[in-house]
C-alpha atoms as a PDB file:
ATOM      1  CA  MET A   1     -19.066  -3.465  14.799  1.00  0.00           C
ATOM      2  CA  GLU A   2     -16.209  -2.260  16.934  1.00  0.00           C
ATOM      3  CA  LEU A   3     -12.748  -3.797  16.419  1.00  0.00           C
ATOM      4  CA  ASN A   4     -11.730  -5.807  19.459  1.00  0.00           C
ATOM      5  CA  SER A   5      -8.420  -7.517  19.963  1.00  0.00           C
ATOM      6  CA  ASN A   6      -9.877  -9.444  22.873  1.00  0.00           C
ATOM      7  CA  ILE A   7      -8.516 -13.193  22.016  1.00  0.00           C
ATOM      8  CA  SER A   8     -11.643 -14.607  23.872  1.00  0.00           C
ATOM      9  CA  LYS A   9     -13.962 -13.084  21.427  1.00  0.00           C
ATOM     10  CA  LEU A  10     -11.901 -14.131  18.337  1.00  0.00           C
ATOM     11  CA  ASN A  11     -13.350 -16.500  15.742  1.00  0.00           C
ATOM     12  CA  ALA A  12     -12.693 -20.036  17.152  1.00  0.00           C
ATOM     13  CA  LEU A  13     -11.295 -21.266  13.786  1.00  0.00           C
ATOM     14  CA  THR A  14      -8.977 -18.262  13.287  1.00  0.00           C
ATOM     15  CA  ILE A  15      -7.486 -19.131  16.740  1.00  0.00           C
ATOM     16  CA  SER A  16      -7.131 -22.678  15.728  1.00  0.00           C
ATOM     17  CA  PHE A  17      -5.613 -21.651  12.210  1.00  0.00           C
ATOM     18  CA  ILE A  18      -3.165 -19.082  13.809  1.00  0.00           C
ATOM     19  CA  LYS A  19      -2.183 -21.738  16.374  1.00  0.00           C
ATOM     20  CA  GLU A  20      -1.535 -24.503  13.947  1.00  0.00           C
ATOM     21  CA  LYS A  21       0.137 -22.416  11.056  1.00  0.00           C
ATOM     22  CA  GLY A  22       1.440 -19.543  13.047  1.00  0.00           C
ATOM     23  CA  ASN A  23       4.918 -20.793  13.165  1.00  0.00           C
ATOM     24  CA  GLU A  24       4.943 -21.493   9.364  1.00  0.00           C
ATOM     25  CA  LEU A  25       3.738 -18.142   8.433  1.00  0.00           C
ATOM     26  CA  ASN A  26       6.355 -16.450  10.673  1.00  0.00           C
ATOM     27  CA  LYS A  27       9.120 -18.323   9.242  1.00  0.00           C
ATOM     28  CA  LYS A  28       8.026 -17.982   5.654  1.00  0.00           C
ATOM     29  CA  PHE A  29       6.387 -14.616   5.655  1.00  0.00           C
ATOM     30  CA  GLY A  30       7.407 -12.799   8.876  1.00  0.00           C
ATOM     31  CA  LEU A  31       3.771 -12.855  10.228  1.00  0.00           C
ATOM     32  CA  SER A  32       3.965 -13.105  14.049  1.00  0.00           C
ATOM     33  CA  LYS A  33       1.115 -14.830  15.955  1.00  0.00           C
ATOM     34  CA  GLU A  34       0.690 -11.563  17.785  1.00  0.00           C
ATOM     35  CA  PHE A  35       0.232  -9.675  14.721  1.00  0.00           C
ATOM     36  CA  LEU A  36      -2.176 -11.999  13.155  1.00  0.00           C
ATOM     37  CA  THR A  37      -4.262 -12.251  16.448  1.00  0.00           C
ATOM     38  CA  GLU A  38      -4.081  -8.743  17.826  1.00  0.00           C
ATOM     39  CA  ILE A  39      -4.165  -6.591  14.399  1.00  0.00           C
ATOM     40  CA  VAL A  40      -5.175  -8.862  11.541  1.00  0.00           C
ATOM     41  CA  THR A  41      -8.118 -10.720  12.952  1.00  0.00           C
ATOM     42  CA  PRO A  42     -10.288  -7.968  14.326  1.00  0.00           C
ATOM     43  CA  ILE A  43      -9.855  -6.101  10.929  1.00  0.00           C
ATOM     44  CA  ALA A  44     -11.053  -9.113   9.154  1.00  0.00           C
ATOM     45  CA  SER A  45     -13.925  -9.586  11.459  1.00  0.00           C
ATOM     46  CA  LEU A  46     -14.807  -6.108  10.739  1.00  0.00           C
ATOM     47  CA  ILE A  47     -14.492  -6.727   6.978  1.00  0.00           C
ATOM     48  CA  VAL A  48     -16.750  -9.915   6.979  1.00  0.00           C
ATOM     49  CA  SER A  49     -19.309  -8.084   8.864  1.00  0.00           C
ATOM     50  CA  GLU A  50     -19.542  -5.485   6.307  1.00  0.00           C
ATOM     51  CA  SER A  51     -19.051  -7.488   3.103  1.00  0.00           C
ATOM     52  CA  LYS A  52     -22.050  -9.682   3.101  1.00  0.00           C
ATOM     53  CA  LYS A  53     -24.129  -7.688   0.658  1.00  0.00           C
ATOM     54  CA  LYS A  54     -21.597  -6.424  -1.650  1.00  0.00           C
ATOM     55  CA  PRO A  55     -17.773  -6.456  -2.627  1.00  0.00           C
ATOM     56  CA  LEU A  56     -16.205  -4.488   0.161  1.00  0.00           C
ATOM     57  CA  LYS A  57     -13.358  -2.269  -0.901  1.00  0.00           C
ATOM     58  CA  ILE A  58     -10.672  -1.373   1.645  1.00  0.00           C
ATOM     59  CA  TYR A  59      -7.525   0.600   1.088  1.00  0.00           C
ATOM     60  CA  ILE A  60      -4.499   0.367   3.400  1.00  0.00           C
ATOM     61  CA  SER A  61      -2.162   3.331   3.359  1.00  0.00           C
ATOM     62  CA  GLY A  62       1.100   4.239   5.027  1.00  0.00           C
ATOM     63  CA  GLY A  63       4.769   5.427   4.768  1.00  0.00           C
ATOM     64  CA  GLN A  64       7.479   3.494   2.885  1.00  0.00           C
ATOM     65  CA  GLY A  65       8.121   0.319   4.527  1.00  0.00           C
ATOM     66  CA  SER A  66       5.458   0.492   7.188  1.00  0.00           C
ATOM     67  CA  GLY A  67       3.815  -2.840   6.518  1.00  0.00           C
ATOM     68  CA  LYS A  68       1.099  -1.977   4.120  1.00  0.00           C
ATOM     69  CA  THR A  69       1.873  -5.111   1.850  1.00  0.00           C
ATOM     70  CA  THR A  70       2.379  -7.394   4.897  1.00  0.00           C
ATOM     71  CA  LEU A  71      -0.881  -6.370   6.423  1.00  0.00           C
ATOM     72  CA  SER A  72      -2.771  -6.724   2.963  1.00  0.00           C
ATOM     73  CA  TYR A  73      -1.213 -10.248   2.442  1.00  0.00           C
ATOM     74  CA  ALA A  74      -2.012 -11.291   6.301  1.00  0.00           C
ATOM     75  CA  LEU A  75      -5.601 -10.047   5.792  1.00  0.00           C
ATOM     76  CA  LYS A  76      -5.946 -12.196   2.589  1.00  0.00           C
ATOM     77  CA  ILE A  77      -4.482 -15.070   4.354  1.00  0.00           C
ATOM     78  CA  ILE A  78      -7.031 -14.886   7.413  1.00  0.00           C
ATOM     79  CA  LEU A  79      -9.978 -13.966   5.413  1.00  0.00           C
ATOM     80  CA  GLU A  80      -9.712 -16.874   2.798  1.00  0.00           C
ATOM     81  CA  ASN A  81      -8.626 -19.548   5.325  1.00  0.00           C
ATOM     82  CA  CYS A  82     -10.831 -18.623   8.387  1.00  0.00           C
ATOM     83  CA  PHE A  83     -13.792 -16.749   6.929  1.00  0.00           C
ATOM     84  CA  ASP A  84     -14.089 -18.363   3.424  1.00  0.00           C
ATOM     85  CA  VAL A  85     -13.911 -15.043   1.984  1.00  0.00           C
ATOM     86  CA  ARG A  86     -12.763 -14.521  -1.752  1.00  0.00           C
ATOM     87  CA  VAL A  87     -10.167 -11.632  -1.691  1.00  0.00           C
ATOM     88  CA  ALA A  88      -8.658  -9.765  -4.715  1.00  0.00           C
ATOM     89  CA  ASN A  89      -5.951  -7.782  -3.972  1.00  0.00           C
ATOM     90  CA  PHE A  90      -3.426  -5.388  -5.685  1.00  0.00           C
ATOM     91  CA  SER A  91      -1.350  -2.236  -4.985  1.00  0.00           C
ATOM     92  CA  ILE A  92      -0.860   1.241  -6.461  1.00  0.00           C
ATOM     93  CA  ASP A  93       2.553  -0.009  -7.204  1.00  0.00           C
ATOM     94  CA  ASP A  94       1.086  -2.287  -9.786  1.00  0.00           C
ATOM     95  CA  LEU A  95      -0.316   0.784 -11.672  1.00  0.00           C
ATOM     96  CA  TYR A  96       3.266   2.154 -12.232  1.00  0.00           C
ATOM     97  CA  LEU A  97       3.550   3.603 -15.761  1.00  0.00           C
ATOM     98  CA  PRO A  98       5.797   1.559 -17.950  1.00  0.00           C
ATOM     99  CA  LYS A  99       9.483   2.432 -17.899  1.00  0.00           C
ATOM    100  CA  SER A 100       9.398   3.933 -21.247  1.00  0.00           C
ATOM    101  CA  GLU A 101       6.530   6.302 -20.413  1.00  0.00           C
ATOM    102  CA  ARG A 102       8.290   7.355 -17.197  1.00  0.00           C
ATOM    103  CA  TYR A 103      11.363   8.046 -19.292  1.00  0.00           C
ATOM    104  CA  ARG A 104       9.066  10.283 -21.644  1.00  0.00           C
ATOM    105  CA  LEU A 105       7.874  12.185 -18.791  1.00  0.00           C
ATOM    106  CA  SER A 106      11.428  12.692 -17.399  1.00  0.00           C
ATOM    107  CA  LYS A 107      12.345  14.249 -20.726  1.00  0.00           C
ATOM    108  CA  LYS A 108       9.042  16.334 -21.523  1.00  0.00           C
ATOM    109  CA  VAL A 109       8.319  17.458 -17.666  1.00  0.00           C
ATOM    110  CA  HIS A 110      10.883  16.802 -15.333  1.00  0.00           C
ATOM    111  CA  PRO A 111      14.136  14.508 -14.853  1.00  0.00           C
ATOM    112  CA  LEU A 112      12.905  13.252 -11.228  1.00  0.00           C
ATOM    113  CA  LEU A 113       9.916  11.564 -13.085  1.00  0.00           C
ATOM    114  CA  LYS A 114      12.132   8.923 -14.358  1.00  0.00           C
ATOM    115  CA  THR A 115      11.888   7.487 -10.712  1.00  0.00           C
ATOM    116  CA  ARG A 116       8.597   5.705  -9.980  1.00  0.00           C
ATOM    117  CA  GLY A 117       6.390   6.331  -7.008  1.00  0.00           C
ATOM    118  CA  VAL A 118       5.072   9.852  -6.821  1.00  0.00           C
ATOM    119  CA  PRO A 119       1.705  10.838  -8.145  1.00  0.00           C
ATOM    120  CA  GLY A 120       1.656  11.139 -11.893  1.00  0.00           C
ATOM    121  CA  THR A 121       3.902   8.055 -12.369  1.00  0.00           C
ATOM    122  CA  HIS A 122       0.702   5.766 -12.099  1.00  0.00           C
ATOM    123  CA  GLU A 123      -1.930   4.840 -14.635  1.00  0.00           C
ATOM    124  CA  ILE A 124      -4.869   5.502 -12.535  1.00  0.00           C
ATOM    125  CA  GLN A 125      -7.391   4.703 -14.902  1.00  0.00           C
ATOM    126  CA  LEU A 126      -6.292   1.319 -15.030  1.00  0.00           C
ATOM    127  CA  GLY A 127      -6.747   0.968 -11.342  1.00  0.00           C
ATOM    128  CA  ILE A 128     -10.308   2.368 -11.539  1.00  0.00           C
ATOM    129  CA  ASP A 129     -11.159  -0.006 -14.457  1.00  0.00           C
ATOM    130  CA  THR A 130      -9.772  -2.999 -12.626  1.00  0.00           C
ATOM    131  CA  ILE A 131     -12.004  -2.285  -9.633  1.00  0.00           C
ATOM    132  CA  ASN A 132     -15.121  -1.723 -11.689  1.00  0.00           C
ATOM    133  CA  SER A 133     -14.511  -4.916 -13.370  1.00  0.00           C
ATOM    134  CA  LEU A 134     -13.982  -6.835 -10.213  1.00  0.00           C
ATOM    135  CA  VAL A 135     -17.171  -5.527  -8.744  1.00  0.00           C
ATOM    136  CA  SER A 136     -19.270  -6.038 -12.068  1.00  0.00           C
ATOM    137  CA  GLN A 137     -21.611  -8.999 -11.856  1.00  0.00           C
ATOM    138  CA  LYS A 138     -21.265  -9.419 -15.488  1.00  0.00           C
ATOM    139  CA  ASN A 139     -17.326 -10.015 -15.859  1.00  0.00           C
ATOM    140  CA  LYS A 140     -16.473 -13.847 -15.434  1.00  0.00           C
ATOM    141  CA  GLU A 141     -12.691 -12.827 -15.100  1.00  0.00           C
ATOM    142  CA  THR A 142     -10.581  -9.891 -14.583  1.00  0.00           C
ATOM    143  CA  ARG A 143      -6.834  -9.581 -15.115  1.00  0.00           C
ATOM    144  CA  ILE A 144      -5.055  -7.620 -12.193  1.00  0.00           C
ATOM    145  CA  PRO A 145      -2.240  -5.527 -13.157  1.00  0.00           C
ATOM    146  CA  MET A 146       1.313  -6.344 -12.087  1.00  0.00           C
ATOM    147  CA  PHE A 147       4.441  -4.647 -11.957  1.00  0.00           C
ATOM    148  CA  SER A 148       8.073  -6.052 -11.728  1.00  0.00           C
ATOM    149  CA  LYS A 149      10.420  -4.245  -9.434  1.00  0.00           C
ATOM    150  CA  LYS A 150      13.011  -6.469 -10.409  1.00  0.00           C
ATOM    151  CA  TYR A 151      12.761  -5.154 -14.043  1.00  0.00           C
ATOM    152  CA  ASP A 152      11.407  -1.774 -13.102  1.00  0.00           C
ATOM    153  CA  ASP A 153       8.633  -2.228 -15.659  1.00  0.00           C
ATOM    154  CA  ARG A 154       4.944  -3.422 -15.859  1.00  0.00           C
ATOM    155  CA  LEU A 155       4.430  -6.904 -16.887  1.00  0.00           C
ATOM    156  CA  SER A 156       2.681  -7.766 -20.139  1.00  0.00           C
ATOM    157  CA  LYS A 157      -1.008  -8.172 -19.700  1.00  0.00           C
ATOM    158  CA  SER A 158      -0.635 -11.722 -20.691  1.00  0.00           C
ATOM    159  CA  ASP A 159       1.463 -12.314 -17.500  1.00  0.00           C
ATOM    160  CA  TRP A 160      -1.142 -10.581 -15.254  1.00  0.00           C
ATOM    161  CA  PRO A 161      -2.890 -12.904 -12.704  1.00  0.00           C
ATOM    162  CA  ILE A 162      -6.513 -13.472 -13.349  1.00  0.00           C
ATOM    163  CA  PHE A 163      -9.395 -13.437 -10.891  1.00  0.00           C
ATOM    164  CA  TYR A 164     -12.269 -15.289 -11.647  1.00  0.00           C
ATOM    165  CA  GLY A 165     -15.845 -14.223 -10.754  1.00  0.00           C
ATOM    166  CA  THR A 166     -16.598 -11.499  -8.091  1.00  0.00           C
ATOM    167  CA  PRO A 167     -14.581 -11.238  -4.887  1.00  0.00           C
ATOM    168  CA  ASN A 168     -16.293 -10.625  -1.654  1.00  0.00           C
ATOM    169  CA  VAL A 169     -13.386  -8.381  -0.645  1.00  0.00           C
ATOM    170  CA  ILE A 170     -10.901  -6.105  -2.636  1.00  0.00           C
ATOM    171  CA  ILE A 171      -7.936  -5.041  -0.813  1.00  0.00           C
ATOM    172  CA  PHE A 172      -5.886  -1.901  -2.296  1.00  0.00           C
ATOM    173  CA  GLU A 173      -2.420  -0.711  -0.796  1.00  0.00           C
ATOM    174  CA  GLY A 174      -0.075   2.087  -1.263  1.00  0.00           C
ATOM    175  CA  TRP A 175       2.086   4.758   0.173  1.00  0.00           C
ATOM    176  CA  CYS A 176      -0.146   7.540  -1.110  1.00  0.00           C
ATOM    177  CA  VAL A 177      -3.478   6.147  -1.302  1.00  0.00           C
ATOM    178  CA  GLY A 178      -5.744   8.540   0.200  1.00  0.00           C
ATOM    179  CA  ALA A 179      -3.620  11.453  -0.110  1.00  0.00           C
ATOM    180  CA  VAL A 180      -4.946  14.863  -0.955  1.00  0.00           C
ATOM    181  CA  PRO A 181      -3.300  17.587  -2.864  1.00  0.00           C
ATOM    182  CA  PHE A 182      -1.759  20.632  -1.068  1.00  0.00           C
ATOM    183  CA  SER A 183      -3.294  24.138  -1.330  1.00  0.00           C
ATOM    184  CA  GLU A 184      -2.592  26.000  -4.533  1.00  0.00           C
ATOM    185  CA  ASN A 185       0.448  28.156  -2.678  1.00  0.00           C
ATOM    186  CA  PHE A 186       1.814  25.078  -0.797  1.00  0.00           C
ATOM    187  CA  TRP A 187       5.428  25.575  -2.037  1.00  0.00           C
ATOM    188  CA  LYS A 188       7.694  27.401   0.446  1.00  0.00           C
ATOM    189  CA  GLY A 189      11.096  25.836  -0.815  1.00  0.00           C
ATOM    190  CA  PRO A 190      12.799  22.591  -0.941  1.00  0.00           C
ATOM    191  CA  VAL A 191      12.203  20.236   1.898  1.00  0.00           C
ATOM    192  CA  ASN A 192      15.231  17.891   1.624  1.00  0.00           C
ATOM    193  CA  SER A 193      18.622  17.582  -0.385  1.00  0.00           C
ATOM    194  CA  LEU A 194      17.035  15.924  -3.040  1.00  0.00           C
ATOM    195  CA  GLU A 195      14.778  18.695  -3.931  1.00  0.00           C
ATOM    196  CA  GLN A 196      17.326  21.325  -3.152  1.00  0.00           C
ATOM    197  CA  LYS A 197      19.577  19.867  -5.908  1.00  0.00           C
ATOM    198  CA  TYR A 198      16.986  18.695  -8.540  1.00  0.00           C
ATOM    199  CA  ASP A 199      14.073  21.015  -7.838  1.00  0.00           C
ATOM    200  CA  PRO A 200      15.154  24.247  -6.451  1.00  0.00           C
ATOM    201  CA  ASP A 201      12.161  26.036  -8.202  1.00  0.00           C
ATOM    202  CA  GLY A 202       9.418  23.690  -7.174  1.00  0.00           C
ATOM    203  CA  SER A 203       8.359  22.700 -10.763  1.00  0.00           C
ATOM    204  CA  TRP A 204       8.456  19.148  -9.779  1.00  0.00           C
ATOM    205  CA  ALA A 205       6.558  19.313  -6.582  1.00  0.00           C
ATOM    206  CA  LYS A 206       3.905  21.392  -8.042  1.00  0.00           C
ATOM    207  CA  TRP A 207       3.426  19.086 -11.141  1.00  0.00           C
ATOM    208  CA  VAL A 208       3.138  16.259  -8.804  1.00  0.00           C
ATOM    209  CA  ASN A 209       0.411  17.975  -6.628  1.00  0.00           C
ATOM    210  CA  ARG A 210      -1.461  18.789  -9.657  1.00  0.00           C
ATOM    211  CA  GLN A 211      -1.795  15.217 -10.566  1.00  0.00           C
ATOM    212  CA  LEU A 212      -2.660  14.160  -7.252  1.00  0.00           C
ATOM    213  CA  SER A 213      -5.875  16.734  -7.638  1.00  0.00           C
ATOM    214  CA  GLY A 214      -6.953  14.688 -10.593  1.00  0.00           C
ATOM    215  CA  ASP A 215      -8.272  11.085 -11.262  1.00  0.00           C
ATOM    216  CA  TYR A 216      -6.259   9.850  -8.007  1.00  0.00           C
ATOM    217  CA  GLN A 217      -9.161  11.420  -5.997  1.00  0.00           C
ATOM    218  CA  ASP A 218     -11.564   9.356  -8.285  1.00  0.00           C
ATOM    219  CA  LEU A 219      -9.768   6.217  -7.447  1.00  0.00           C
ATOM    220  CA  PHE A 220      -9.551   6.847  -3.585  1.00  0.00           C
ATOM    221  CA  SER A 221     -13.352   7.725  -3.360  1.00  0.00           C
ATOM    222  CA  LEU A 222     -14.251   4.024  -4.401  1.00  0.00           C
ATOM    223  CA  PHE A 223     -13.285   2.624  -1.158  1.00  0.00           C
ATOM    224  CA  ASP A 224     -15.526   1.742   1.665  1.00  0.00           C
ATOM    225  CA  ILE A 225     -13.236   1.259   4.494  1.00  0.00           C
ATOM    226  CA  SER A 226      -9.906   3.174   4.975  1.00  0.00           C
ATOM    227  CA  ALA A 227      -6.905   2.091   7.002  1.00  0.00           C
ATOM    228  CA  TYR A 228      -3.555   3.876   7.761  1.00  0.00           C
ATOM    229  CA  ILE A 229      -0.377   2.698   9.463  1.00  0.00           C
ATOM    230  CA  LYS A 230       1.310   5.502  11.380  1.00  0.00           C
ATOM    231  CA  SER A 231       5.099   5.610  11.829  1.00  0.00           C
ATOM    232  CA  LYS A 232       6.827   7.148  14.700  1.00  0.00           C
ATOM    233  CA  ASN A 233       8.506   9.767  12.670  1.00  0.00           C
ATOM    234  CA  PHE A 234       9.896  10.184   9.258  1.00  0.00           C
ATOM    235  CA  LYS A 235      13.251   8.641  10.353  1.00  0.00           C
ATOM    236  CA  ASP A 236      11.640   5.426  11.073  1.00  0.00           C
ATOM    237  CA  ILE A 237      10.068   5.336   7.515  1.00  0.00           C
ATOM    238  CA  TYR A 238      13.542   5.635   6.269  1.00  0.00           C
ATOM    239  CA  LYS A 239      14.827   2.766   8.507  1.00  0.00           C
ATOM    240  CA  ASN A 240      11.720   0.549   7.656  1.00  0.00           C
ATOM    241  CA  ARG A 241      12.280   0.955   3.897  1.00  0.00           C
ATOM    242  CA  LEU A 242      16.001   0.369   4.381  1.00  0.00           C
ATOM    243  CA  LYS A 243      15.223  -2.974   6.348  1.00  0.00           C
ATOM    244  CA  GLN A 244      12.790  -3.849   3.682  1.00  0.00           C
ATOM    245  CA  GLU A 245      15.772  -3.723   1.159  1.00  0.00           C
ATOM    246  CA  GLU A 246      18.131  -5.607   3.211  1.00  0.00           C
ATOM    247  CA  GLU A 247      15.440  -8.432   3.722  1.00  0.00           C
ATOM    248  CA  ALA A 248      15.032  -8.492  -0.075  1.00  0.00           C
ATOM    249  CA  LYS A 249      18.847  -8.797  -0.711  1.00  0.00           C
ATOM    250  CA  LYS A 250      18.793 -11.788   1.810  1.00  0.00           C
ATOM    251  CA  ASN A 251      15.946 -13.445  -0.016  1.00  0.00           C
ATOM    252  CA  SER A 252      17.679 -13.119  -3.418  1.00  0.00           C
ATOM    253  CA  ILE A 253      21.155 -14.106  -2.986  1.00  0.00           C
ATOM    254  CA  ASN A 254      21.194 -16.710  -5.548  1.00  0.00           C
ATOM    255  CA  SER A 255      19.367 -14.569  -8.081  1.00  0.00           C
ATOM    256  CA  LYS A 256      20.146 -11.693 -10.463  1.00  0.00           C
ATOM    257  CA  LEU A 257      18.100  -9.480  -8.296  1.00  0.00           C
ATOM    258  CA  PRO A 258      20.764  -8.135  -5.698  1.00  0.00           C
ATOM    259  CA  ASP A 259      22.419  -5.870  -8.232  1.00  0.00           C
ATOM    260  CA  ARG A 260      19.137  -4.269  -8.982  1.00  0.00           C
ATOM    261  CA  LEU A 261      18.439  -3.554  -5.396  1.00  0.00           C
ATOM    262  CA  MET A 262      19.313  -0.141  -3.567  1.00  0.00           C
ATOM    263  CA  SER A 263      22.233   0.707  -1.497  1.00  0.00           C
ATOM    264  CA  GLU A 264      21.733   2.777   2.021  1.00  0.00           C
ATOM    265  CA  ASN A 265      22.404   5.915   0.025  1.00  0.00           C
ATOM    266  CA  GLN A 266      20.155   5.061  -2.835  1.00  0.00           C
ATOM    267  CA  VAL A 267      17.225   4.133  -0.411  1.00  0.00           C
ATOM    268  CA  LYS A 268      17.713   7.457   1.192  1.00  0.00           C
ATOM    269  CA  ASN A 269      17.419   9.315  -1.946  1.00  0.00           C
ATOM    270  CA  PHE A 270      14.537   7.209  -3.075  1.00  0.00           C
ATOM    271  CA  VAL A 271      12.529   7.914   0.158  1.00  0.00           C
ATOM    272  CA  MET A 272      13.169  11.814  -0.171  1.00  0.00           C
ATOM    273  CA  HIS A 273      10.943  11.545  -3.442  1.00  0.00           C
ATOM    274  CA  PHE A 274       8.171  11.071  -1.174  1.00  0.00           C
ATOM    275  CA  GLU A 275       8.991  13.101   2.061  1.00  0.00           C
ATOM    276  CA  ARG A 276       6.842  16.052   1.300  1.00  0.00           C
ATOM    277  CA  ILE A 277       3.681  14.213   0.753  1.00  0.00           C
ATOM    278  CA  THR A 278       4.423  11.602   3.347  1.00  0.00           C
ATOM    279  CA  LYS A 279       4.877  14.150   6.255  1.00  0.00           C
ATOM    280  CA  LYS A 280       1.695  15.712   5.649  1.00  0.00           C
ATOM    281  CA  MET A 281      -0.008  12.384   5.291  1.00  0.00           C
ATOM    282  CA  GLU A 282       1.297  11.346   8.706  1.00  0.00           C
ATOM    283  CA  ILE A 283      -0.613  14.562  10.058  1.00  0.00           C
ATOM    284  CA  TYR A 284      -4.148  14.309   8.364  1.00  0.00           C
ATOM    285  CA  MET A 285      -4.563  10.718   7.601  1.00  0.00           C
ATOM    286  CA  PRO A 286      -4.914   9.536  11.144  1.00  0.00           C
ATOM    287  CA  LYS A 287      -8.005  12.008  11.214  1.00  0.00           C
ATOM    288  CA  LYS A 288      -9.732  10.816   8.191  1.00  0.00           C
ATOM    289  CA  CYS A 289      -9.319   7.198   8.214  1.00  0.00           C
ATOM    290  CA  ASP A 290     -11.593   4.452   9.758  1.00  0.00           C
ATOM    291  CA  ILE A 291      -8.700   2.380  11.037  1.00  0.00           C
ATOM    292  CA  VAL A 292      -5.344   3.608  12.141  1.00  0.00           C
ATOM    293  CA  ILE A 293      -2.497   1.422  13.448  1.00  0.00           C
ATOM    294  CA  ARG A 294       0.680   2.485  15.234  1.00  0.00           C
ATOM    295  CA  ARG A 295       3.856   1.111  14.118  1.00  0.00           C
ATOM    296  CA  ASP A 296       6.748   1.646  16.507  1.00  0.00           C
ATOM    297  CA  GLY A 297      10.570   1.377  15.816  1.00  0.00           C
ATOM    298  CA  ASN A 298      10.468  -2.199  17.192  1.00  0.00           C
ATOM    299  CA  GLU A 299       8.069  -3.429  14.780  1.00  0.00           C
ATOM    300  CA  GLN A 300       5.284  -3.608  17.300  1.00  0.00           C
ATOM    301  CA  PHE A 301       1.730  -2.600  15.977  1.00  0.00           C
ATOM    302  CA  SER A 302      -1.054  -1.343  17.929  1.00  0.00           C
ATOM    303  CA  PHE A 303      -4.459   0.337  17.306  1.00  0.00           C
ATOM    304  CA  ILE A 304      -4.738   4.077  17.563  1.00  0.00           C
ATOM    305  CA  LYS A 305      -8.475   4.432  16.380  1.00  0.00           C
ATOM    306  CA  THR A 306     -11.097   2.211  15.263  1.00  0.00           C
ATOM    307  CA  LYS A 307     -14.163   3.473  13.948  1.00  0.00           C
ATOM    308  CA  ILE A 308     -17.519   1.843  13.841  1.00  0.00           C
ATOM    309  CA  ILE A 309     -18.516   1.421  10.089  1.00  0.00           C
ATOM    310  CA  LYS A 310     -22.152   1.786   9.344  1.00  0.00           C
END
C-alpha cells in the first residue's frame, strides 16, 4: 500500500474524528489538523493494512526535538480512535540505565557517561524482552518500562504501566533507533567543544561506538517498518530541542520541575553529546528507512520518501 495524503481518500471516520477533536488535540497536545491529516493518517492507514496478521512493529527515529514522540503519540490516538487498533508504545528513553548505574559507568569508563542518552546508557535487553513479551500470545500482561526525566531515573517496576494481552501495533521511538556503528577507524578528532574538552582522545566516542555494534542492532532488527524524521540541519535540531525545553518549563510553572529543566547553555551542551552520531544518521537513515518525513524550521512536516511495504 502506498502512502497518500489526499484527503478525499482518507478513512471517513478519521476525517470526522479530526474535524470533531482537532481543536481540542491542538490545544492540549499541539497536534494540528494538518499534521494529523497529511502525515499521521496516511501512516496509520499503512500500518493498519500491514498489521492484520501479526503485531506490527514500527520504529520512529530522528534528531533531538524532531517530533518523534509527537508522531508516536498522534499515531496512537488515530489508530485507537479511528481504526480500532490496540497500540503499545514506548521509547528508547524508557530503557535508560538507573542513575546509580550511569554513575558507576562514569567512574569506571568515562565521566561523560553520567549523562543519559548515548548508546551504552540503555538497558537494551529490557527493550528486547518487552517487545518479545508483547508479541507473545502466551502472556496476558506486559509491564512497559518507564523512565522519569523529572528525577533522571527509571521508575520502579511496580509503577510501570501494564499492557494487557497482545497489541496489534507496537510503536517504539528514539533518537538513535536504527543507528549503525561507525567503521573501526572512524575517529579523526573531536567534532565539537564538548568532545574537545572532555574527550580529546576519543575514548568516550570509541566506547559508545562499540556499544552500538552490540545488542542495539539486535533490538533494531525486530521492527517491520522504519520511519525517520529528517531535520533541515543540525542547528535546527538544537533549536527544536531548546523549544521543547522551553515548552516543558511553561507546562510546569506550578510544579517542582522547572529547576530540573535545562538552560539554553545546558541544552547546547546536552545536544553535543549526540552530534557525532546524529549528523551521520541524517545522511544514511533517509536511505535505509521505509518512511522519511522532512521537518523544516517552521515546524512543517512533509513526506520525502514513502516505500511500498510488502
